[in-house]
Amino acid sequence: MRHSLIVILLASVMAACSSSPPDGLTVVEDFDINRYTGRWYEIARLDHRFERGLSNVTAEYTLQDNNDVAVLNRGYDEDEQRWDEAEGTAKFVGETDRGSLKVSFFGPFYGGYHIIALDHANYQWAMISGPSRDYLWILARDPTLAPDIYQNLIEQARTSGFATDALIEVDQQRHLP
């Protein structure tokens, strides 16, 4: 029994750390990391404990010399009345012209970061899936996103199997430090 429990626990940890996109989702092609770097504002997300209670969430991506991407996530903790930040590293999964990366914020544990929709023309918005359909983010270069674009992304997420009724729209009213 104990052996079975350990196997189940290890399988759960491995699934949570998966760097593959969820079944049935396609990541963007013709991806250009140089155009993707910089600051992105979180417009909406499926909530998880690591972001719970945070508003004004941003992500900054910086390309490193070794082709890894430095990640700096910031958000305002309304309960604590302070800014929180987390630094991590992203690495490409496969070819660098595909929007599929794995991200780590602690040690050797990576989770999938899969760009499933992108404004290829201007790199002004993106939709990201994690390792499962329990993780979804809509990002934009500005703190707001045009309503028609937002609704189109929501519909795309819904038809891709995400629980869009559980999306949280992120308050972006506070100025960054």
N, C-alpha and C. Protein backbone atom coordinates (compact mmCIF):
# COMPACT_ATOMS: atom_id res chain seq x y z
N MET A 1 0.83 -1.20 0.00
CA MET A 1 0.00 0.00 0.00
C MET A 1 0.87 1.26 0.00
N ARG A 2 1.90 1.25 0.86
CA ARG A 2 2.78 2.41 0.93
C ARG A 2 3.47 2.65 -0.40
N HIS A 3 3.91 1.58 -1.05
CA HIS A 3 4.56 1.69 -2.36
C HIS A 3 3.61 2.30 -3.38
N SER A 4 2.35 1.90 -3.37
CA SER A 4 1.35 2.45 -4.30
C SER A 4 1.15 3.94 -4.06
N LEU A 5 1.12 4.35 -2.80
CA LEU A 5 0.94 5.75 -2.46
C LEU A 5 2.12 6.59 -2.97
N ILE A 6 3.32 6.07 -2.83
CA ILE A 6 4.51 6.78 -3.31
C ILE A 6 4.47 6.90 -4.83
N VAL A 7 4.08 5.84 -5.52
CA VAL A 7 3.99 5.89 -6.98
C VAL A 7 2.96 6.92 -7.41
N ILE A 8 1.81 6.95 -6.76
CA ILE A 8 0.77 7.92 -7.09
C ILE A 8 1.27 9.34 -6.83
N LEU A 9 1.94 9.55 -5.71
CA LEU A 9 2.48 10.87 -5.38
C LEU A 9 3.50 11.31 -6.42
N LEU A 10 4.42 10.43 -6.79
CA LEU A 10 5.43 10.78 -7.80
C LEU A 10 4.78 11.06 -9.15
N ALA A 11 3.79 10.29 -9.52
CA ALA A 11 3.10 10.53 -10.79
C ALA A 11 2.40 11.88 -10.78
N SER A 12 1.82 12.24 -9.64
CA SER A 12 1.14 13.54 -9.52
C SER A 12 2.14 14.69 -9.64
N VAL A 13 3.28 14.55 -8.98
CA VAL A 13 4.31 15.59 -9.05
C VAL A 13 4.82 15.72 -10.48
N MET A 14 5.06 14.61 -11.15
CA MET A 14 5.55 14.65 -12.53
C MET A 14 4.52 15.29 -13.46
N ALA A 15 3.25 14.99 -13.25
CA ALA A 15 2.20 15.60 -14.09
C ALA A 15 2.15 17.10 -13.87
N ALA A 16 2.29 17.53 -12.63
CA ALA A 16 2.25 18.96 -12.32
C ALA A 16 3.45 19.68 -12.92
N CYS A 17 4.55 18.99 -13.08
CA CYS A 17 5.77 19.60 -13.62
C CYS A 17 5.91 19.38 -15.12
N SER A 18 4.89 18.89 -15.76
CA SER A 18 4.96 18.58 -17.18
C SER A 18 5.31 19.82 -17.99
N SER A 19 6.12 19.62 -19.02
CA SER A 19 6.45 20.74 -19.90
C SER A 19 5.81 20.57 -21.27
N SER A 20 4.94 19.58 -21.43
CA SER A 20 4.22 19.39 -22.69
C SER A 20 2.89 20.14 -22.64
N PRO A 21 2.42 20.62 -23.79
CA PRO A 21 1.10 21.27 -23.78
C PRO A 21 0.00 20.24 -23.53
N PRO A 22 -1.12 20.67 -22.98
CA PRO A 22 -2.24 19.76 -22.78
C PRO A 22 -2.67 19.13 -24.11
N ASP A 23 -3.16 17.91 -24.04
CA ASP A 23 -3.62 17.21 -25.25
C ASP A 23 -4.62 18.06 -26.01
N GLY A 24 -4.45 18.09 -27.32
CA GLY A 24 -5.38 18.79 -28.19
C GLY A 24 -5.11 20.27 -28.38
N LEU A 25 -4.15 20.83 -27.64
CA LEU A 25 -3.81 22.25 -27.82
C LEU A 25 -2.60 22.38 -28.73
N THR A 26 -2.64 23.38 -29.57
CA THR A 26 -1.54 23.66 -30.48
C THR A 26 -0.85 24.95 -30.07
N VAL A 27 0.46 24.91 -29.96
CA VAL A 27 1.20 26.13 -29.63
C VAL A 27 1.47 26.90 -30.91
N VAL A 28 1.71 28.21 -30.75
CA VAL A 28 1.93 29.05 -31.92
C VAL A 28 3.26 28.70 -32.60
N GLU A 29 3.26 28.86 -33.90
CA GLU A 29 4.47 28.66 -34.72
C GLU A 29 4.96 30.04 -35.15
N ASP A 30 6.12 30.09 -35.78
CA ASP A 30 6.72 31.36 -36.23
C ASP A 30 6.82 32.35 -35.07
N PHE A 31 7.21 31.83 -33.91
CA PHE A 31 7.34 32.62 -32.69
C PHE A 31 8.70 33.31 -32.68
N ASP A 32 8.72 34.58 -32.25
CA ASP A 32 9.96 35.36 -32.19
C ASP A 32 10.15 35.85 -30.76
N ILE A 33 11.04 35.21 -30.02
CA ILE A 33 11.26 35.57 -28.62
C ILE A 33 11.72 37.01 -28.47
N ASN A 34 12.45 37.54 -29.44
CA ASN A 34 12.90 38.93 -29.35
C ASN A 34 11.73 39.91 -29.34
N ARG A 35 10.67 39.59 -30.05
CA ARG A 35 9.48 40.44 -30.05
C ARG A 35 8.62 40.21 -28.81
N TYR A 36 8.77 39.04 -28.20
CA TYR A 36 7.96 38.68 -27.03
C TYR A 36 8.53 39.25 -25.73
N THR A 37 9.84 39.50 -25.70
CA THR A 37 10.45 40.00 -24.46
C THR A 37 9.86 41.36 -24.09
N GLY A 38 10.05 41.72 -22.82
CA GLY A 38 9.52 42.97 -22.30
C GLY A 38 8.40 42.72 -21.31
N ARG A 39 7.66 43.77 -21.00
CA ARG A 39 6.61 43.70 -19.98
C ARG A 39 5.26 43.31 -20.59
N TRP A 40 4.58 42.41 -19.88
CA TRP A 40 3.22 41.99 -20.21
C TRP A 40 2.35 42.18 -18.97
N TYR A 41 1.12 42.63 -19.18
CA TYR A 41 0.14 42.78 -18.10
C TYR A 41 -0.81 41.60 -18.12
N GLU A 42 -1.09 41.08 -16.94
CA GLU A 42 -2.04 39.98 -16.83
C GLU A 42 -3.45 40.57 -16.87
N ILE A 43 -4.21 40.21 -17.89
CA ILE A 43 -5.57 40.71 -18.07
C ILE A 43 -6.57 39.80 -17.37
N ALA A 44 -6.37 38.49 -17.49
CA ALA A 44 -7.25 37.51 -16.85
C ALA A 44 -6.46 36.23 -16.59
N ARG A 45 -6.96 35.43 -15.63
CA ARG A 45 -6.29 34.17 -15.30
C ARG A 45 -7.27 33.22 -14.65
N LEU A 46 -6.93 31.95 -14.72
CA LEU A 46 -7.56 30.97 -13.85
C LEU A 46 -6.76 31.03 -12.55
N ASP A 47 -7.42 31.21 -11.44
CA ASP A 47 -6.73 31.50 -10.18
C ASP A 47 -6.09 30.26 -9.57
N HIS A 48 -4.93 30.47 -8.95
CA HIS A 48 -4.20 29.44 -8.22
C HIS A 48 -3.59 30.08 -6.98
N ARG A 49 -3.25 29.24 -6.03
CA ARG A 49 -2.78 29.76 -4.74
C ARG A 49 -1.57 30.67 -4.89
N PHE A 50 -0.70 30.43 -5.86
CA PHE A 50 0.51 31.25 -6.00
C PHE A 50 0.20 32.66 -6.51
N GLU A 51 -1.02 32.91 -6.99
CA GLU A 51 -1.40 34.26 -7.42
C GLU A 51 -2.64 34.77 -6.68
N ARG A 52 -3.19 33.96 -5.82
CA ARG A 52 -4.43 34.32 -5.15
C ARG A 52 -4.27 35.64 -4.39
N GLY A 53 -5.21 36.54 -4.59
CA GLY A 53 -5.21 37.83 -3.91
C GLY A 53 -4.33 38.89 -4.55
N LEU A 54 -3.67 38.55 -5.66
CA LEU A 54 -2.79 39.52 -6.30
C LEU A 54 -3.52 40.30 -7.38
N SER A 55 -3.28 41.59 -7.39
CA SER A 55 -3.77 42.46 -8.46
C SER A 55 -2.55 43.05 -9.16
N ASN A 56 -2.80 43.78 -10.24
CA ASN A 56 -1.72 44.49 -10.93
C ASN A 56 -0.55 43.58 -11.28
N VAL A 57 -0.87 42.39 -11.75
CA VAL A 57 0.16 41.39 -12.03
C VAL A 57 0.79 41.67 -13.40
N THR A 58 2.11 41.63 -13.41
CA THR A 58 2.87 41.78 -14.66
C THR A 58 3.91 40.67 -14.74
N ALA A 59 4.37 40.44 -15.95
CA ALA A 59 5.48 39.52 -16.20
C ALA A 59 6.45 40.23 -17.12
N GLU A 60 7.73 40.16 -16.78
CA GLU A 60 8.77 40.73 -17.63
C GLU A 60 9.69 39.60 -18.08
N TYR A 61 9.91 39.55 -19.38
CA TYR A 61 10.74 38.52 -19.98
C TYR A 61 11.96 39.17 -20.61
N THR A 62 13.15 38.62 -20.28
CA THR A 62 14.41 39.15 -20.79
C THR A 62 15.23 37.99 -21.36
N LEU A 63 15.60 38.09 -22.63
CA LEU A 63 16.39 37.04 -23.27
C LEU A 63 17.82 37.10 -22.75
N GLN A 64 18.34 35.95 -22.36
CA GLN A 64 19.71 35.84 -21.86
C GLN A 64 20.63 35.38 -23.00
N ASP A 65 21.93 35.52 -22.79
CA ASP A 65 22.91 35.15 -23.81
C ASP A 65 22.84 33.67 -24.20
N ASN A 66 22.42 32.81 -23.27
CA ASN A 66 22.36 31.37 -23.54
C ASN A 66 21.01 30.94 -24.12
N ASN A 67 20.18 31.90 -24.51
CA ASN A 67 18.85 31.65 -25.09
C ASN A 67 17.80 31.28 -24.05
N ASP A 68 18.16 31.24 -22.76
CA ASP A 68 17.16 31.12 -21.71
C ASP A 68 16.48 32.48 -21.57
N VAL A 69 15.35 32.48 -20.89
CA VAL A 69 14.61 33.72 -20.69
C VAL A 69 14.46 33.96 -19.20
N ALA A 70 14.94 35.11 -18.73
CA ALA A 70 14.73 35.49 -17.33
C ALA A 70 13.29 35.98 -17.19
N VAL A 71 12.63 35.53 -16.12
CA VAL A 71 11.23 35.87 -15.87
C VAL A 71 11.14 36.61 -14.54
N LEU A 72 10.46 37.74 -14.54
CA LEU A 72 10.18 38.47 -13.31
C LEU A 72 8.68 38.74 -13.26
N ASN A 73 8.01 38.07 -12.33
CA ASN A 73 6.57 38.28 -12.13
C ASN A 73 6.37 39.16 -10.92
N ARG A 74 5.47 40.14 -11.05
CA ARG A 74 5.14 41.04 -9.94
C ARG A 74 3.63 41.11 -9.78
N GLY A 75 3.21 41.30 -8.54
CA GLY A 75 1.79 41.51 -8.27
C GLY A 75 1.63 42.19 -6.94
N TYR A 76 0.51 42.89 -6.78
CA TYR A 76 0.25 43.60 -5.53
C TYR A 76 -0.64 42.74 -4.66
N ASP A 77 -0.17 42.45 -3.44
CA ASP A 77 -0.93 41.68 -2.47
C ASP A 77 -1.82 42.64 -1.69
N GLU A 78 -3.11 42.61 -1.98
CA GLU A 78 -4.05 43.55 -1.37
C GLU A 78 -4.14 43.36 0.14
N ASP A 79 -4.10 42.11 0.63
CA ASP A 79 -4.19 41.85 2.07
C ASP A 79 -2.98 42.39 2.82
N GLU A 80 -1.80 42.15 2.27
CA GLU A 80 -0.55 42.57 2.92
C GLU A 80 -0.16 44.01 2.58
N GLN A 81 -0.84 44.59 1.59
CA GLN A 81 -0.54 45.96 1.14
C GLN A 81 0.93 46.11 0.75
N ARG A 82 1.39 45.16 -0.09
CA ARG A 82 2.78 45.21 -0.55
C ARG A 82 2.91 44.50 -1.89
N TRP A 83 4.00 44.81 -2.60
CA TRP A 83 4.31 44.16 -3.87
C TRP A 83 5.02 42.85 -3.61
N ASP A 84 4.63 41.81 -4.32
CA ASP A 84 5.32 40.51 -4.30
C ASP A 84 5.97 40.32 -5.66
N GLU A 85 7.09 39.63 -5.66
CA GLU A 85 7.69 39.29 -6.94
C GLU A 85 8.34 37.92 -6.87
N ALA A 86 8.43 37.30 -8.02
CA ALA A 86 9.06 35.98 -8.15
C ALA A 86 9.93 36.01 -9.40
N GLU A 87 11.16 35.52 -9.24
CA GLU A 87 12.09 35.44 -10.36
C GLU A 87 12.23 33.99 -10.79
N GLY A 88 12.28 33.79 -12.09
CA GLY A 88 12.41 32.44 -12.61
C GLY A 88 13.17 32.42 -13.91
N THR A 89 13.22 31.25 -14.50
CA THR A 89 13.90 31.04 -15.77
C THR A 89 13.01 30.21 -16.67
N ALA A 90 12.94 30.59 -17.93
CA ALA A 90 12.21 29.82 -18.93
C ALA A 90 13.19 29.28 -19.96
N LYS A 91 12.92 28.07 -20.42
CA LYS A 91 13.73 27.43 -21.45
C LYS A 91 12.80 26.91 -22.53
N PHE A 92 13.25 26.97 -23.75
CA PHE A 92 12.44 26.45 -24.85
C PHE A 92 12.31 24.94 -24.75
N VAL A 93 11.13 24.46 -25.12
CA VAL A 93 10.89 23.03 -25.27
C VAL A 93 10.88 22.78 -26.77
N GLY A 94 11.95 22.25 -27.29
CA GLY A 94 12.04 22.05 -28.73
C GLY A 94 12.57 23.28 -29.42
N GLU A 95 12.08 23.53 -30.61
CA GLU A 95 12.57 24.61 -31.46
C GLU A 95 12.22 25.99 -30.89
N THR A 96 13.10 26.96 -31.11
CA THR A 96 12.89 28.31 -30.57
C THR A 96 11.88 29.12 -31.36
N ASP A 97 11.39 28.60 -32.48
CA ASP A 97 10.36 29.32 -33.23
C ASP A 97 8.95 28.80 -32.92
N ARG A 98 8.84 27.98 -31.88
CA ARG A 98 7.54 27.51 -31.38
C ARG A 98 7.32 28.11 -30.00
N GLY A 99 6.11 28.50 -29.71
CA GLY A 99 5.78 29.13 -28.44
C GLY A 99 5.57 28.14 -27.32
N SER A 100 6.53 27.27 -27.12
CA SER A 100 6.45 26.26 -26.07
C SER A 100 7.71 26.33 -25.22
N LEU A 101 7.51 26.69 -23.94
CA LEU A 101 8.63 26.82 -23.02
C LEU A 101 8.30 26.08 -21.73
N LYS A 102 9.30 25.93 -20.90
CA LYS A 102 9.09 25.43 -19.54
C LYS A 102 9.69 26.46 -18.61
N VAL A 103 9.01 26.71 -17.50
CA VAL A 103 9.39 27.78 -16.58
C VAL A 103 9.61 27.20 -15.19
N SER A 104 10.63 27.69 -14.51
CA SER A 104 10.89 27.28 -13.14
C SER A 104 11.07 28.52 -12.26
N PHE A 105 10.42 28.48 -11.11
CA PHE A 105 10.61 29.53 -10.10
C PHE A 105 11.31 28.97 -8.87
N PHE A 106 11.53 27.66 -8.85
CA PHE A 106 12.24 27.06 -7.73
C PHE A 106 12.93 25.78 -8.19
N GLY A 107 14.25 25.86 -8.16
CA GLY A 107 15.08 24.69 -8.42
C GLY A 107 14.83 24.00 -9.74
N PRO A 108 14.91 22.69 -9.71
CA PRO A 108 14.83 21.93 -10.96
C PRO A 108 13.40 21.62 -11.41
N PHE A 109 12.41 22.21 -10.79
CA PHE A 109 11.02 21.90 -11.11
C PHE A 109 10.48 22.88 -12.15
N TYR A 110 10.07 22.35 -13.29
CA TYR A 110 9.58 23.17 -14.39
C TYR A 110 8.12 22.86 -14.67
N GLY A 111 7.40 23.88 -15.09
CA GLY A 111 6.03 23.71 -15.56
C GLY A 111 5.91 24.27 -16.96
N GLY A 112 4.96 23.74 -17.71
CA GLY A 112 4.78 24.18 -19.08
C GLY A 112 4.26 25.60 -19.19
N TYR A 113 4.72 26.30 -20.21
CA TYR A 113 4.30 27.66 -20.57
C TYR A 113 4.10 27.62 -22.07
N HIS A 114 2.84 27.53 -22.49
CA HIS A 114 2.53 27.29 -23.90
C HIS A 114 1.68 28.42 -24.45
N ILE A 115 2.23 29.12 -25.43
CA ILE A 115 1.52 30.23 -26.05
C ILE A 115 0.58 29.63 -27.09
N ILE A 116 -0.72 29.72 -26.82
CA ILE A 116 -1.71 29.07 -27.69
C ILE A 116 -2.44 30.07 -28.58
N ALA A 117 -2.25 31.35 -28.33
CA ALA A 117 -2.79 32.40 -29.21
C ALA A 117 -1.87 33.61 -29.07
N LEU A 118 -1.64 34.30 -30.18
CA LEU A 118 -0.69 35.41 -30.18
C LEU A 118 -1.03 36.38 -31.30
N ASP A 119 -0.91 37.65 -30.99
CA ASP A 119 -1.00 38.70 -32.01
C ASP A 119 0.32 38.68 -32.79
N HIS A 120 0.38 37.84 -33.81
CA HIS A 120 1.62 37.71 -34.59
C HIS A 120 2.03 39.02 -35.26
N ALA A 121 1.07 39.85 -35.61
CA ALA A 121 1.40 41.09 -36.32
C ALA A 121 2.15 42.07 -35.43
N ASN A 122 1.69 42.23 -34.18
CA ASN A 122 2.25 43.28 -33.32
C ASN A 122 2.72 42.82 -31.95
N TYR A 123 2.48 41.56 -31.61
CA TYR A 123 2.85 41.04 -30.29
C TYR A 123 2.26 41.91 -29.17
N GLN A 124 0.97 42.23 -29.28
CA GLN A 124 0.29 43.06 -28.29
C GLN A 124 -0.57 42.26 -27.32
N TRP A 125 -0.88 41.01 -27.62
CA TRP A 125 -1.63 40.16 -26.72
C TRP A 125 -1.22 38.71 -26.93
N ALA A 126 -1.44 37.90 -25.90
CA ALA A 126 -1.11 36.47 -25.97
C ALA A 126 -2.00 35.72 -24.99
N MET A 127 -2.23 34.45 -25.31
CA MET A 127 -2.95 33.58 -24.38
C MET A 127 -2.06 32.37 -24.10
N ILE A 128 -1.90 32.08 -22.82
CA ILE A 128 -0.95 31.08 -22.36
C ILE A 128 -1.67 29.97 -21.62
N SER A 129 -1.27 28.74 -21.92
CA SER A 129 -1.73 27.57 -21.16
C SER A 129 -0.55 27.05 -20.35
N GLY A 130 -0.87 26.48 -19.21
CA GLY A 130 0.14 25.79 -18.43
C GLY A 130 0.17 24.32 -18.82
N PRO A 131 0.57 23.46 -17.89
CA PRO A 131 0.69 22.03 -18.20
C PRO A 131 -0.66 21.31 -18.33
N SER A 132 -1.73 21.97 -17.91
CA SER A 132 -3.07 21.39 -18.04
C SER A 132 -4.06 22.52 -18.31
N ARG A 133 -5.30 22.17 -18.56
CA ARG A 133 -6.32 23.19 -18.80
C ARG A 133 -6.76 23.88 -17.51
N ASP A 134 -6.14 23.56 -16.40
CA ASP A 134 -6.39 24.27 -15.14
C ASP A 134 -5.62 25.58 -15.08
N TYR A 135 -4.73 25.80 -16.03
CA TYR A 135 -3.88 26.99 -16.04
C TYR A 135 -4.10 27.76 -17.33
N LEU A 136 -4.48 29.03 -17.20
CA LEU A 136 -4.70 29.87 -18.37
C LEU A 136 -4.45 31.32 -17.99
N TRP A 137 -3.76 32.03 -18.86
CA TRP A 137 -3.52 33.46 -18.68
C TRP A 137 -3.77 34.18 -19.99
N ILE A 138 -4.36 35.36 -19.89
CA ILE A 138 -4.47 36.26 -21.03
C ILE A 138 -3.61 37.47 -20.69
N LEU A 139 -2.65 37.77 -21.55
CA LEU A 139 -1.69 38.84 -21.32
C LEU A 139 -1.80 39.88 -22.42
N ALA A 140 -1.42 41.12 -22.07
CA ALA A 140 -1.40 42.20 -23.06
C ALA A 140 -0.25 43.15 -22.73
N ARG A 141 0.17 43.89 -23.71
CA ARG A 141 1.26 44.86 -23.52
C ARG A 141 0.80 46.08 -22.74
N ASP A 142 -0.49 46.32 -22.71
CA ASP A 142 -1.07 47.44 -21.96
C ASP A 142 -1.95 46.88 -20.85
N PRO A 143 -2.25 47.69 -19.83
CA PRO A 143 -3.07 47.21 -18.71
C PRO A 143 -4.51 46.86 -19.09
N THR A 144 -4.94 47.24 -20.28
CA THR A 144 -6.28 46.88 -20.74
C THR A 144 -6.17 46.25 -22.13
N LEU A 145 -7.22 45.53 -22.49
CA LEU A 145 -7.27 44.87 -23.79
C LEU A 145 -8.60 45.21 -24.43
N ALA A 146 -8.60 45.50 -25.71
CA ALA A 146 -9.84 45.84 -26.41
C ALA A 146 -10.89 44.75 -26.16
N PRO A 147 -12.13 45.15 -25.85
CA PRO A 147 -13.17 44.16 -25.52
C PRO A 147 -13.39 43.10 -26.59
N ASP A 148 -13.32 43.46 -27.86
CA ASP A 148 -13.55 42.47 -28.92
C ASP A 148 -12.43 41.42 -28.95
N ILE A 149 -11.20 41.85 -28.74
CA ILE A 149 -10.08 40.90 -28.70
C ILE A 149 -10.22 39.99 -27.49
N TYR A 150 -10.55 40.60 -26.34
CA TYR A 150 -10.72 39.83 -25.11
C TYR A 150 -11.81 38.77 -25.29
N GLN A 151 -12.95 39.15 -25.83
CA GLN A 151 -14.05 38.20 -26.03
C GLN A 151 -13.66 37.09 -27.01
N ASN A 152 -12.93 37.42 -28.05
CA ASN A 152 -12.46 36.40 -28.99
C ASN A 152 -11.53 35.39 -28.30
N LEU A 153 -10.65 35.88 -27.43
CA LEU A 153 -9.76 34.98 -26.70
C LEU A 153 -10.53 34.11 -25.73
N ILE A 154 -11.52 34.69 -25.05
CA ILE A 154 -12.35 33.91 -24.13
C ILE A 154 -13.06 32.79 -24.89
N GLU A 155 -13.61 33.12 -26.04
CA GLU A 155 -14.32 32.12 -26.84
C GLU A 155 -13.36 31.03 -27.32
N GLN A 156 -12.17 31.41 -27.74
CA GLN A 156 -11.18 30.42 -28.15
C GLN A 156 -10.82 29.51 -26.98
N ALA A 157 -10.64 30.09 -25.80
CA ALA A 157 -10.31 29.29 -24.62
C ALA A 157 -11.46 28.34 -24.28
N ARG A 158 -12.69 28.85 -24.34
CA ARG A 158 -13.86 28.02 -24.02
C ARG A 158 -13.95 26.82 -24.96
N THR A 159 -13.80 27.08 -26.26
CA THR A 159 -13.90 25.98 -27.23
C THR A 159 -12.70 25.03 -27.15
N SER A 160 -11.63 25.46 -26.50
CA SER A 160 -10.46 24.60 -26.29
C SER A 160 -10.54 23.81 -24.99
N GLY A 161 -11.65 23.98 -24.25
CA GLY A 161 -11.86 23.18 -23.06
C GLY A 161 -11.48 23.82 -21.74
N PHE A 162 -11.19 25.11 -21.72
CA PHE A 162 -10.87 25.80 -20.47
C PHE A 162 -12.15 26.25 -19.77
N ALA A 163 -12.12 26.30 -18.46
CA ALA A 163 -13.27 26.73 -17.65
C ALA A 163 -13.31 28.26 -17.61
N THR A 164 -13.75 28.86 -18.69
CA THR A 164 -13.70 30.32 -18.81
C THR A 164 -14.62 31.03 -17.82
N ASP A 165 -15.63 30.33 -17.31
CA ASP A 165 -16.49 30.95 -16.30
C ASP A 165 -15.74 31.17 -14.99
N ALA A 166 -14.61 30.52 -14.81
CA ALA A 166 -13.80 30.69 -13.60
C ALA A 166 -12.67 31.71 -13.78
N LEU A 167 -12.57 32.32 -14.95
CA LEU A 167 -11.52 33.32 -15.17
C LEU A 167 -11.71 34.52 -14.26
N ILE A 168 -10.62 35.02 -13.74
CA ILE A 168 -10.60 36.23 -12.92
C ILE A 168 -10.02 37.35 -13.76
N GLU A 169 -10.75 38.45 -13.86
CA GLU A 169 -10.20 39.63 -14.54
C GLU A 169 -9.32 40.37 -13.54
N VAL A 170 -8.10 40.67 -13.92
CA VAL A 170 -7.10 41.22 -13.01
C VAL A 170 -7.19 42.74 -12.99
N ASP A 171 -7.33 43.29 -11.78
CA ASP A 171 -7.34 44.74 -11.59
C ASP A 171 -5.94 45.27 -11.89
N GLN A 172 -5.85 46.25 -12.77
CA GLN A 172 -4.56 46.84 -13.14
C GLN A 172 -4.55 48.35 -12.83
N GLN A 173 -5.23 48.77 -11.77
CA GLN A 173 -5.36 50.20 -11.46
C GLN A 173 -4.16 50.80 -10.73
N ARG A 174 -3.40 49.98 -10.03
CA ARG A 174 -2.27 50.48 -9.24
C ARG A 174 -1.04 50.62 -10.13
N HIS A 175 -0.26 51.65 -9.90
CA HIS A 175 0.96 51.86 -10.69
C HIS A 175 2.08 50.98 -10.16
N LEU A 176 2.90 50.49 -11.06
CA LEU A 176 4.03 49.64 -10.68
C LEU A 176 5.07 50.45 -9.92
N PRO A 177 5.81 49.76 -9.04
CA PRO A 177 6.86 50.47 -8.28
C PRO A 177 8.00 50.91 -9.18
